[in-house]
PDB file of N, CA and C in Angstrom:
ATOM      1  N   MET A   1      51.049 108.888 -24.485  1.00  0.00           N
ATOM      2  CA  MET A   1      52.563 108.663 -24.436  1.00  0.00           C
ATOM      3  C   MET A   1      52.785 107.651 -23.325  1.00  0.00           C
ATOM      4  N   ASN A   2      53.787 106.774 -23.380  1.00  0.00           N
ATOM      5  CA  ASN A   2      53.925 105.847 -22.409  1.00  0.00           C
ATOM      6  C   ASN A   2      55.141 106.386 -21.556  1.00  0.00           C
ATOM      7  N   GLY A   3      55.217 105.671 -20.451  1.00  0.00           N
ATOM      8  CA  GLY A   3      56.449 105.765 -19.602  1.00  0.00           C
ATOM      9  C   GLY A   3      57.663 105.286 -20.195  1.00  0.00           C
ATOM     10  N   MET A   4      57.710 104.441 -21.191  1.00  0.00           N
ATOM     11  CA  MET A   4      59.009 103.902 -21.865  1.00  0.00           C
ATOM     12  C   MET A   4      59.750 105.022 -22.454  1.00  0.00           C
ATOM     13  N   MET A   5      58.892 106.045 -23.283  1.00  0.00           N
ATOM     14  CA  MET A   5      59.648 107.101 -23.936  1.00  0.00           C
ATOM     15  C   MET A   5      60.026 108.149 -23.073  1.00  0.00           C
ATOM     16  N   TYR A   6      59.125 108.487 -22.101  1.00  0.00           N
ATOM     17  CA  TYR A   6      59.408 109.505 -21.136  1.00  0.00           C
ATOM     18  C   TYR A   6      59.459 109.040 -19.727  1.00  0.00           C
ATOM     19  N   PRO A   7      60.516 108.440 -18.993  1.00  0.00           N
ATOM     20  CA  PRO A   7      60.400 107.855 -17.815  1.00  0.00           C
ATOM     21  C   PRO A   7      60.025 108.823 -16.656  1.00  0.00           C
ATOM     22  N   TRP A   8      60.199 110.234 -16.734  1.00  0.00           N
ATOM     23  CA  TRP A   8      59.815 110.964 -15.799  1.00  0.00           C
ATOM     24  C   TRP A   8      58.298 111.373 -15.946  1.00  0.00           C
ATOM     25  N   GLY A   9      57.570 111.010 -16.918  1.00  0.00           N
ATOM     26  CA  GLY A   9      56.162 111.501 -17.109  1.00  0.00           C
ATOM     27  C   GLY A   9      55.924 111.733 -18.547  1.00  0.00           C
ATOM     28  N   TYR A  10      54.748 112.759 -18.720  1.00  0.00           N
ATOM     29  CA  TYR A  10      54.289 112.781 -20.096  1.00  0.00           C
ATOM     30  C   TYR A  10      55.311 113.509 -20.826  1.00  0.00           C
ATOM     31  N   TRP A  11      55.581 114.813 -20.173  1.00  0.00           N
ATOM     32  CA  TRP A  11      56.467 115.747 -21.043  1.00  0.00           C
ATOM     33  C   TRP A  11      57.398 116.551 -20.206  1.00  0.00           C
ATOM     34  N   ASN A  12      58.518 116.812 -20.473  1.00  0.00           N
ATOM     35  CA  ASN A  12      59.621 117.430 -19.827  1.00  0.00           C
ATOM     36  C   ASN A  12      59.472 118.762 -19.800  1.00  0.00           C
ATOM     37  N   TRP A  13      58.637 119.540 -18.914  1.00  0.00           N
ATOM     38  CA  TRP A  13      58.267 120.865 -18.800  1.00  0.00           C
ATOM     39  C   TRP A  13      59.427 121.753 -18.809  1.00  0.00           C
ATOM     40  N   PHE A  14      60.616 121.366 -18.429  1.00  0.00           N
ATOM     41  CA  PHE A  14      61.744 122.169 -18.495  1.00  0.00           C
ATOM     42  C   PHE A  14      62.280 122.374 -19.916  1.00  0.00           C
ATOM     43  N   GLY A  15      61.754 121.576 -20.737  1.00  0.00           N
ATOM     44  CA  GLY A  15      62.229 121.737 -22.042  1.00  0.00           C
ATOM     45  C   GLY A  15      61.592 123.180 -22.931  1.00  0.00           C
ATOM     46  N   PHE A  16      60.528 123.592 -22.307  1.00  0.00           N
ATOM     47  CA  PHE A  16      59.871 124.673 -22.867  1.00  0.00           C
ATOM     48  C   PHE A  16      60.798 126.158 -22.771  1.00  0.00           C
ATOM     49  N   PRO A  17      61.330 126.269 -21.558  1.00  0.00           N
ATOM     50  CA  PRO A  17      62.423 127.500 -21.783  1.00  0.00           C
ATOM     51  C   PRO A  17      63.473 127.321 -22.630  1.00  0.00           C
ATOM     52  N   PHE A  18      64.017 126.035 -22.692  1.00  0.00           N
ATOM     53  CA  PHE A  18      65.061 125.770 -23.558  1.00  0.00           C
ATOM     54  C   PHE A  18      64.668 125.926 -24.912  1.00  0.00           C
ATOM     55  N   PHE A  19      63.492 125.646 -25.525  1.00  0.00           N
ATOM     56  CA  PHE A  19      63.080 126.023 -26.890  1.00  0.00           C
ATOM     57  C   PHE A  19      62.922 127.473 -26.964  1.00  0.00           C
ATOM     58  N   GLY A  20      62.294 127.982 -25.897  1.00  0.00           N
ATOM     59  CA  GLY A  20      62.232 129.546 -25.907  1.00  0.00           C
ATOM     60  C   GLY A  20      63.384 130.240 -26.207  1.00  0.00           C
ATOM     61  N   PHE A  21      64.487 129.689 -25.392  1.00  0.00           N
ATOM     62  CA  PHE A  21      65.819 130.313 -25.454  1.00  0.00           C
ATOM     63  C   PHE A  21      66.344 129.972 -26.907  1.00  0.00           C
ATOM     64  N   TRP A  22      66.150 128.915 -27.650  1.00  0.00           N
ATOM     65  CA  TRP A  22      66.772 128.694 -28.837  1.00  0.00           C
ATOM     66  C   TRP A  22      65.954 129.552 -29.914  1.00  0.00           C
ATOM     67  N   TRP A  23      64.655 129.654 -29.637  1.00  0.00           N
ATOM     68  CA  TRP A  23      63.927 130.622 -30.620  1.00  0.00           C
ATOM     69  C   TRP A  23      64.283 132.142 -30.587  1.00  0.00           C
ATOM     70  N   LEU A  24      64.713 132.470 -29.439  1.00  0.00           N
ATOM     71  CA  LEU A  24      65.131 133.864 -29.245  1.00  0.00           C
ATOM     72  C   LEU A  24      66.456 134.092 -29.946  1.00  0.00           C
ATOM     73  N   ILE A  25      67.451 133.093 -29.658  1.00  0.00           N
ATOM     74  CA  ILE A  25      68.777 133.182 -30.333  1.00  0.00           C
ATOM     75  C   ILE A  25      68.620 133.162 -31.991  1.00  0.00           C
ATOM     76  N   LEU A  26      67.533 132.415 -32.315  1.00  0.00           N
ATOM     77  CA  LEU A  26      67.406 132.219 -33.828  1.00  0.00           C
ATOM     78  C   LEU A  26      66.915 133.519 -34.444  1.00  0.00           C
ATOM     79  N   ILE A  27      65.837 134.091 -33.656  1.00  0.00           N
ATOM     80  CA  ILE A  27      65.260 135.267 -34.122  1.00  0.00           C
ATOM     81  C   ILE A  27      66.372 136.538 -34.288  1.00  0.00           C
ATOM     82  N   VAL A  28      67.267 136.532 -33.240  1.00  0.00           N
ATOM     83  CA  VAL A  28      68.306 137.536 -33.142  1.00  0.00           C
ATOM     84  C   VAL A  28      69.323 137.345 -34.232  1.00  0.00           C
ATOM     85  N   ILE A  29      69.612 136.087 -34.593  1.00  0.00           N
ATOM     86  CA  ILE A  29      70.507 135.799 -35.630  1.00  0.00           C
ATOM     87  C   ILE A  29      69.897 136.122 -36.939  1.00  0.00           C
ATOM     88  N   GLY A  30      68.486 135.825 -37.159  1.00  0.00           N
ATOM     89  CA  GLY A  30      67.853 136.129 -38.284  1.00  0.00           C
ATOM     90  C   GLY A  30      67.628 137.511 -38.578  1.00  0.00           C
ATOM     91  N   PHE A  31      67.563 138.447 -37.475  1.00  0.00           N
ATOM     92  CA  PHE A  31      67.617 139.935 -37.363  1.00  0.00           C
ATOM     93  C   PHE A  31      68.848 140.524 -38.011  1.00  0.00           C
ATOM     94  N   LEU A  32      69.894 139.985 -37.355  1.00  0.00           N
ATOM     95  CA  LEU A  32      71.146 140.584 -37.593  1.00  0.00           C
ATOM     96  C   LEU A  32      71.543 140.078 -39.145  1.00  0.00           C
ATOM     97  N   VAL A  33      71.132 139.111 -39.759  1.00  0.00           N
ATOM     98  CA  VAL A  33      71.226 138.625 -41.014  1.00  0.00           C
ATOM     99  C   VAL A  33      70.538 139.588 -41.902  1.00  0.00           C
ATOM    100  N   TYR A  34      69.333 139.687 -41.442  1.00  0.00           N
ATOM    101  CA  TYR A  34      68.441 140.629 -42.131  1.00  0.00           C
ATOM    102  C   TYR A  34      68.972 142.064 -42.324  1.00  0.00           C
ATOM    103  N   GLN A  35      69.642 142.720 -41.179  1.00  0.00           N
ATOM    104  CA  GLN A  35      70.274 144.010 -41.288  1.00  0.00           C
ATOM    105  C   GLN A  35      71.445 144.003 -42.285  1.00  0.00           C
ATOM    106  N   ASP A  36      72.289 142.936 -42.084  1.00  0.00           N
ATOM    107  CA  ASP A  36      73.630 142.756 -42.898  1.00  0.00           C
ATOM    108  C   ASP A  36      73.145 142.891 -44.345  1.00  0.00           C
ATOM    109  N   ALA A  37      72.088 142.009 -44.732  1.00  0.00           N
ATOM    110  CA  ALA A  37      71.743 141.886 -46.226  1.00  0.00           C
ATOM    111  C   ALA A  37      71.226 143.163 -46.504  1.00  0.00           C
ATOM    112  N   ASN A  38      70.498 143.817 -45.831  1.00  0.00           N
ATOM    113  CA  ASN A  38      70.021 145.170 -46.240  1.00  0.00           C
ATOM    114  C   ASN A  38      71.067 146.278 -46.601  1.00  0.00           C
ATOM    115  N   LYS A  39      72.039 146.164 -45.783  1.00  0.00           N
ATOM    116  CA  LYS A  39      73.120 147.029 -45.940  1.00  0.00           C
ATOM    117  C   LYS A  39      74.047 146.729 -47.097  1.00  0.00           C
ATOM    118  N   ARG A  40      74.034 145.499 -47.374  1.00  0.00           N
ATOM    119  CA  ARG A  40      74.665 145.160 -48.625  1.00  0.00           C
ATOM    120  C   ARG A  40      73.994 145.124 -50.089  1.00  0.00           C
ATOM    121  N   GLY A  41      72.678 145.594 -49.846  1.00  0.00           N
ATOM    122  CA  GLY A  41      71.916 145.774 -50.905  1.00  0.00           C
ATOM    123  C   GLY A  41      71.161 144.436 -51.474  1.00  0.00           C
ATOM    124  N   MET A  42      71.013 143.567 -50.751  1.00  0.00           N
ATOM    125  CA  MET A  42      70.461 142.344 -50.947  1.00  0.00           C
ATOM    126  C   MET A  42      68.986 142.202 -50.294  1.00  0.00           C
ATOM    127  N   ASN A  43      68.251 141.119 -50.570  1.00  0.00           N
ATOM    128  CA  ASN A  43      67.023 141.178 -50.016  1.00  0.00           C
ATOM    129  C   ASN A  43      67.001 140.487 -48.611  1.00  0.00           C
ATOM    130  N   GLY A  44      66.975 141.600 -47.668  1.00  0.00           N
ATOM    131  CA  GLY A  44      67.049 140.983 -46.239  1.00  0.00           C
ATOM    132  C   GLY A  44      65.998 140.136 -45.911  1.00  0.00           C
ATOM    133  N   LEU A  45      64.697 140.375 -46.184  1.00  0.00           N
ATOM    134  CA  LEU A  45      63.604 139.499 -45.801  1.00  0.00           C
ATOM    135  C   LEU A  45      63.728 138.018 -46.193  1.00  0.00           C
ATOM    136  N   LEU A  46      64.386 137.851 -47.460  1.00  0.00           N
ATOM    137  CA  LEU A  46      64.500 136.523 -48.112  1.00  0.00           C
ATOM    138  C   LEU A  46      65.657 135.779 -47.067  1.00  0.00           C
ATOM    139  N   TRP A  47      66.618 136.454 -46.598  1.00  0.00           N
ATOM    140  CA  TRP A  47      67.776 135.822 -45.713  1.00  0.00           C
ATOM    141  C   TRP A  47      67.222 135.750 -44.344  1.00  0.00           C
ATOM    142  N   PHE A  48      66.243 136.515 -43.984  1.00  0.00           N
ATOM    143  CA  PHE A  48      65.560 136.237 -42.515  1.00  0.00           C
ATOM    144  C   PHE A  48      64.947 135.015 -42.628  1.00  0.00           C
ATOM    145  N   ILE A  49      64.121 134.910 -43.751  1.00  0.00           N
ATOM    146  CA  ILE A  49      63.336 133.588 -43.920  1.00  0.00           C
ATOM    147  C   ILE A  49      64.097 132.366 -44.049  1.00  0.00           C
ATOM    148  N   LEU A  50      65.208 132.559 -44.636  1.00  0.00           N
ATOM    149  CA  LEU A  50      66.214 131.246 -44.802  1.00  0.00           C
ATOM    150  C   LEU A  50      66.809 130.807 -43.604  1.00  0.00           C
ATOM    151  N   VAL A  51      67.137 131.835 -42.647  1.00  0.00           N
ATOM    152  CA  VAL A  51      67.643 131.585 -41.399  1.00  0.00           C
ATOM    153  C   VAL A  51      66.485 130.952 -40.340  1.00  0.00           C
ATOM    154  N   ILE A  52      65.327 131.519 -40.578  1.00  0.00           N
ATOM    155  CA  ILE A  52      64.258 130.951 -39.597  1.00  0.00           C
ATOM    156  C   ILE A  52      63.634 129.531 -40.081  1.00  0.00           C
ATOM    157  N   LEU A  53      63.707 129.285 -41.352  1.00  0.00           N
ATOM    158  CA  LEU A  53      63.102 128.085 -41.857  1.00  0.00           C
ATOM    159  C   LEU A  53      63.582 126.794 -41.327  1.00  0.00           C
ATOM    160  N   PRO A  54      64.840 126.667 -40.989  1.00  0.00           N
ATOM    161  CA  PRO A  54      65.244 125.416 -40.299  1.00  0.00           C
ATOM    162  C   PRO A  54      64.563 125.115 -38.876  1.00  0.00           C
ATOM    163  N   MET A  55      64.389 126.224 -38.105  1.00  0.00           N
ATOM    164  CA  MET A  55      63.838 125.991 -37.021  1.00  0.00           C
ATOM    165  C   MET A  55      62.264 125.734 -37.014  1.00  0.00           C
ATOM    166  N   ILE A  56      61.658 126.170 -38.115  1.00  0.00           N
ATOM    167  CA  ILE A  56      60.257 125.855 -38.213  1.00  0.00           C
ATOM    168  C   ILE A  56      60.186 124.284 -38.619  1.00  0.00           C
ATOM    169  N   GLY A  57      61.128 123.856 -39.299  1.00  0.00           N
ATOM    170  CA  GLY A  57      61.275 122.408 -39.713  1.00  0.00           C
ATOM    171  C   GLY A  57      61.464 121.535 -38.306  1.00  0.00           C
ATOM    172  N   VAL A  58      62.171 122.009 -37.642  1.00  0.00           N
ATOM    173  CA  VAL A  58      62.620 121.252 -36.301  1.00  0.00           C
ATOM    174  C   VAL A  58      61.367 121.226 -35.281  1.00  0.00           C
ATOM    175  N   VAL A  59      60.645 122.380 -35.443  1.00  0.00           N
ATOM    176  CA  VAL A  59      59.401 122.384 -34.570  1.00  0.00           C
ATOM    177  C   VAL A  59      58.291 121.363 -35.111  1.00  0.00           C
ATOM    178  N   PHE A  60      58.128 121.268 -36.588  1.00  0.00           N
ATOM    179  CA  PHE A  60      57.285 120.438 -36.965  1.00  0.00           C
ATOM    180  C   PHE A  60      57.816 118.885 -36.872  1.00  0.00           C
ATOM    181  N   LEU A  61      58.992 118.686 -36.924  1.00  0.00           N
ATOM    182  CA  LEU A  61      59.458 117.412 -36.420  1.00  0.00           C
ATOM    183  C   LEU A  61      59.149 116.938 -35.163  1.00  0.00           C
ATOM    184  N   ILE A  62      59.352 117.984 -34.319  1.00  0.00           N
ATOM    185  CA  ILE A  62      59.034 117.500 -32.787  1.00  0.00           C
ATOM    186  C   ILE A  62      57.513 117.257 -32.663  1.00  0.00           C
ATOM    187  N   LEU A  63      56.700 118.166 -33.254  1.00  0.00           N
ATOM    188  CA  LEU A  63      55.173 117.889 -33.198  1.00  0.00           C
ATOM    189  C   LEU A  63      54.886 116.576 -33.928  1.00  0.00           C
ATOM    190  N   TYR A  64      55.504 116.242 -34.858  1.00  0.00           N
ATOM    191  CA  TYR A  64      55.314 114.832 -35.733  1.00  0.00           C
ATOM    192  C   TYR A  64      55.524 113.796 -34.682  1.00  0.00           C
ATOM    193  N   VAL A  65      56.613 113.805 -33.977  1.00  0.00           N
ATOM    194  CA  VAL A  65      57.084 112.820 -33.099  1.00  0.00           C
ATOM    195  C   VAL A  65      56.313 112.706 -31.894  1.00  0.00           C
ATOM    196  N   VAL A  66      55.811 113.856 -31.294  1.00  0.00           N
ATOM    197  CA  VAL A  66      54.858 113.821 -30.275  1.00  0.00           C
ATOM    198  C   VAL A  66      53.636 113.251 -30.633  1.00  0.00           C
ATOM    199  N   VAL A  67      53.051 113.585 -31.578  1.00  0.00           N
ATOM    200  CA  VAL A  67      51.643 113.128 -32.284  1.00  0.00           C
ATOM    201  C   VAL A  67      51.641 111.615 -32.496  1.00  0.00           C
ATOM    202  N   ARG A  68      52.811 111.341 -33.230  1.00  0.00           N
ATOM    203  CA  ARG A  68      53.032 109.832 -33.700  1.00  0.00           C
ATOM    204  C   ARG A  68      53.105 109.099 -32.297  1.00  0.00           C
ATOM    205  N   GLU A  69      53.776 109.530 -31.385  1.00  0.00           N
ATOM    206  CA  GLU A  69      54.063 108.594 -30.173  1.00  0.00           C
ATOM    207  C   GLU A  69      52.743 108.517 -29.378  1.00  0.00           C
ATOM    208  N   SER A  70      51.700 109.460 -29.437  1.00  0.00           N
ATOM    209  CA  SER A  70      50.561 109.573 -28.603  1.00  0.00           C
ATOM    210  C   SER A  70      49.493 108.540 -28.981  1.00  0.00           C
ATOM    211  N   ARG A  71      49.487 108.126 -30.299  1.00  0.00           N
ATOM    212  CA  ARG A  71      48.514 107.263 -30.799  1.00  0.00           C
ATOM    213  C   ARG A  71      48.514 105.941 -30.099  1.00  0.00           C
ATOM    214  N   VAL A  72      47.367 105.382 -29.901  1.00  0.00           N
ATOM    215  CA  VAL A  72      47.089 104.162 -29.316  1.00  0.00           C
ATOM    216  C   VAL A  72      47.746 103.109 -30.166  1.00  0.00           C
ATOM    217  N   GLU A  73      48.517 102.182 -29.679  1.00  0.00           N
ATOM    218  CA  GLU A  73      49.064 101.024 -30.472  1.00  0.00           C
ATOM    219  C   GLU A  73      48.033  99.824 -30.250  1.00  0.00           C
ATOM    220  N   LYS A  74      47.765  99.245 -31.480  1.00  0.00           N
ATOM    221  CA  LYS A  74      46.888  97.999 -31.417  1.00  0.00           C
ATOM    222  C   LYS A  74      47.540  96.995 -30.715  1.00  0.00           C
ATOM    223  N   VAL A  75      46.997  96.436 -29.652  1.00  0.00           N
ATOM    224  CA  VAL A  75      47.621  95.285 -29.000  1.00  0.00           C
ATOM    225  C   VAL A  75      47.026  94.114 -29.540  1.00  0.00           C
ATOM    226  N   GLY A  76      47.935  93.055 -29.726  1.00  0.00           N
ATOM    227  CA  GLY A  76      47.580  91.835 -30.362  1.00  0.00           C
ATOM    228  C   GLY A  76      46.713  91.057 -29.429  1.00  0.00           C
ATOM    229  N   LYS A  77      46.237  89.997 -30.013  1.00  0.00           N
ATOM    230  CA  LYS A  77      45.531  88.990 -29.040  1.00  0.00           C
ATOM    231  C   LYS A  77      46.389  88.341 -28.079  1.00  0.00           C
ATOM    232  N   THR A  78      45.782  87.919 -26.928  1.00  0.00           N
ATOM    233  CA  THR A  78      46.468  87.036 -25.901  1.00  0.00           C
ATOM    234  C   THR A  78      46.481  85.707 -26.444  1.00  0.00           C
ATOM    235  N   PRO A  79      47.530  84.968 -25.852  1.00  0.00           N
ATOM    236  CA  PRO A  79      47.567  83.356 -26.335  1.00  0.00           C
ATOM    237  C   PRO A  79      46.252  82.771 -26.042  1.00  0.00           C
ATOM    238  N   LEU A  80      45.671  83.084 -24.784  1.00  0.00           N
ATOM    239  CA  LEU A  80      44.298  82.503 -24.346  1.00  0.00           C
ATOM    240  C   LEU A  80      43.239  82.747 -25.428  1.00  0.00           C
ATOM    241  N   GLU A  81      43.082  84.048 -25.848  1.00  0.00           N
ATOM    242  CA  GLU A  81      42.187  84.457 -26.832  1.00  0.00           C
ATOM    243  C   GLU A  81      42.205  83.514 -28.057  1.00  0.00           C
ATOM    244  N   ILE A  82      43.436  83.524 -28.600  1.00  0.00           N
ATOM    245  CA  ILE A  82      43.808  82.665 -29.738  1.00  0.00           C
ATOM    246  C   ILE A  82      43.321  81.221 -29.531  1.00  0.00           C
ATOM    247  N   LEU A  83      43.653  80.821 -28.349  1.00  0.00           N
ATOM    248  CA  LEU A  83      43.101  79.274 -28.012  1.00  0.00           C
ATOM    249  C   LEU A  83      41.711  79.182 -28.036  1.00  0.00           C
ATOM    250  N   LYS A  84      41.113  80.051 -27.514  1.00  0.00           N
ATOM    251  CA  LYS A  84      39.512  79.969 -27.531  1.00  0.00           C
ATOM    252  C   LYS A  84      39.244  80.178 -28.916  1.00  0.00           C
ATOM    253  N   GLU A  85      39.825  80.969 -29.662  1.00  0.00           N
ATOM    254  CA  GLU A  85      39.333  81.104 -31.174  1.00  0.00           C
ATOM    255  C   GLU A  85      39.356  79.754 -31.961  1.00  0.00           C
ATOM    256  N   ARG A  86      40.671  79.069 -31.682  1.00  0.00           N
ATOM    257  CA  ARG A  86      40.934  77.846 -32.379  1.00  0.00           C
ATOM    258  C   ARG A  86      40.150  76.802 -31.967  1.00  0.00           C
ATOM    259  N   TYR A  87      39.681  76.883 -30.683  1.00  0.00           N
ATOM    260  CA  TYR A  87      38.610  75.815 -30.194  1.00  0.00           C
ATOM    261  C   TYR A  87      37.160  76.050 -30.787  1.00  0.00           C
ATOM    262  N   ALA A  88      36.847  77.293 -30.868  1.00  0.00           N
ATOM    263  CA  ALA A  88      35.663  77.700 -31.492  1.00  0.00           C
ATOM    264  C   ALA A  88      35.487  77.337 -32.733  1.00  0.00           C
ATOM    265  N   LYS A  89      36.725  77.431 -33.645  1.00  0.00           N
ATOM    266  CA  LYS A  89      36.648  77.057 -35.093  1.00  0.00           C
ATOM    267  C   LYS A  89      36.675  75.521 -35.347  1.00  0.00           C
ATOM    268  N   GLY A  90      36.951  74.793 -34.138  1.00  0.00           N
ATOM    269  CA  GLY A  90      36.946  73.221 -34.365  1.00  0.00           C
ATOM    270  C   GLY A  90      38.352  72.886 -34.729  1.00  0.00           C
ATOM    271  N   GLU A  91      39.356  73.696 -34.842  1.00  0.00           N
ATOM    272  CA  GLU A  91      40.728  73.312 -35.126  1.00  0.00           C
ATOM    273  C   GLU A  91      41.228  72.347 -34.038  1.00  0.00           C
ATOM    274  N   ILE A  92      41.063  72.445 -32.772  1.00  0.00           N
ATOM    275  CA  ILE A  92      41.465  71.577 -31.857  1.00  0.00           C
ATOM    276  C   ILE A  92      40.178  70.930 -30.818  1.00  0.00           C
ATOM    277  N   THR A  93      40.525  69.726 -30.373  1.00  0.00           N
ATOM    278  CA  THR A  93      39.400  69.152 -29.531  1.00  0.00           C
ATOM    279  C   THR A  93      39.514  69.657 -28.203  1.00  0.00           C
ATOM    280  N   LYS A  94      38.319  69.332 -27.471  1.00  0.00           N
ATOM    281  CA  LYS A  94      38.149  69.683 -25.973  1.00  0.00           C
ATOM    282  C   LYS A  94      39.272  69.458 -25.313  1.00  0.00           C
ATOM    283  N   GLU A  95      39.759  68.173 -25.328  1.00  0.00           N
ATOM    284  CA  GLU A  95      40.886  67.589 -24.504  1.00  0.00           C
ATOM    285  C   GLU A  95      42.244  68.552 -24.878  1.00  0.00           C
ATOM    286  N   GLU A  96      42.438  68.890 -26.002  1.00  0.00           N
ATOM    287  CA  GLU A  96      43.601  69.581 -26.462  1.00  0.00           C
ATOM    288  C   GLU A  96      43.395  71.122 -26.046  1.00  0.00           C
ATOM    289  N   TYR A  97      42.176  71.483 -25.953  1.00  0.00           N
ATOM    290  CA  TYR A  97      42.022  72.905 -25.336  1.00  0.00           C
ATOM    291  C   TYR A  97      42.235  72.876 -24.014  1.00  0.00           C
ATOM    292  N   ALA A  98      41.728  71.946 -23.146  1.00  0.00           N
ATOM    293  CA  ALA A  98      41.887  71.999 -21.761  1.00  0.00           C
ATOM    294  C   ALA A  98      43.449  71.785 -21.318  1.00  0.00           C
ATOM    295  N   LYS A  99      44.085  71.129 -22.162  1.00  0.00           N
ATOM    296  CA  LYS A  99      45.623  70.646 -21.890  1.00  0.00           C
ATOM    297  C   LYS A  99      46.288  71.943 -22.172  1.00  0.00           C
ATOM    298  N   MET A 100      46.135  72.652 -23.288  1.00  0.00           N
ATOM    299  CA  MET A 100      46.777  74.084 -23.511  1.00  0.00           C
ATOM    300  C   MET A 100      46.407  75.179 -22.709  1.00  0.00           C
ATOM    301  N   LYS A 101      45.136  75.289 -22.221  1.00  0.00           N
ATOM    302  CA  LYS A 101      44.726  76.216 -21.303  1.00  0.00           C
ATOM    303  C   LYS A 101      45.368  76.035 -19.990  1.00  0.00           C
ATOM    304  N   LYS A 102      45.557  74.972 -19.520  1.00  0.00           N
ATOM    305  CA  LYS A 102      46.130  74.524 -18.371  1.00  0.00           C
ATOM    306  C   LYS A 102      47.702  75.039 -18.460  1.00  0.00           C
ATOM    307  N   GLU A 103      48.293  74.758 -19.454  1.00  0.00           N
ATOM    308  CA  GLU A 103      49.759  75.039 -19.669  1.00  0.00           C
ATOM    309  C   GLU A 103      49.773  76.657 -19.737  1.00  0.00           C
ATOM    310  N   LEU A 104      49.052  77.272 -20.323  1.00  0.00           N
ATOM    311  CA  LEU A 104      48.971  78.814 -20.528  1.00  0.00           C
ATOM    312  C   LEU A 104      48.795  79.380 -19.133  1.00  0.00           C
ATOM    313  N   GLU A 105      47.943  78.951 -18.306  1.00  0.00           N
ATOM    314  CA  GLU A 105      47.612  79.296 -16.929  1.00  0.00           C
ATOM    315  C   GLU A 105      48.769  78.979 -15.914  1.00  0.00           C
ATOM    316  N   ASP A 106      49.589  78.163 -16.159  1.00  0.00           N
ATOM    317  CA  ASP A 106      50.623  77.717 -15.249  1.00  0.00           C
ATOM    318  C   ASP A 106      51.804  78.661 -15.485  1.00  0.00           C
TER     319      ASP A 106
END
């Protein structure tokens, strides 16, 4: 990951207790829904799963974003490398190469 995405460093470690808190709240809500569904004669486990499922989706979304951002981006060629390639291919003369190289270095 780069400093552009997270200016304070790699990962904000204060986020872990925050996610833990939300997981706890979600599990409590899921359990309460489970109990209520059982009292009403419905499938409590199904309702518990339906409450927990969105949070699992959020976790996978966060993991996807973190993994995607940690990939090394392919860096393009520098202008000087392109100039050297053009000279090597014979597209430009030695004088043009020297002139363009001087302009790039200034």
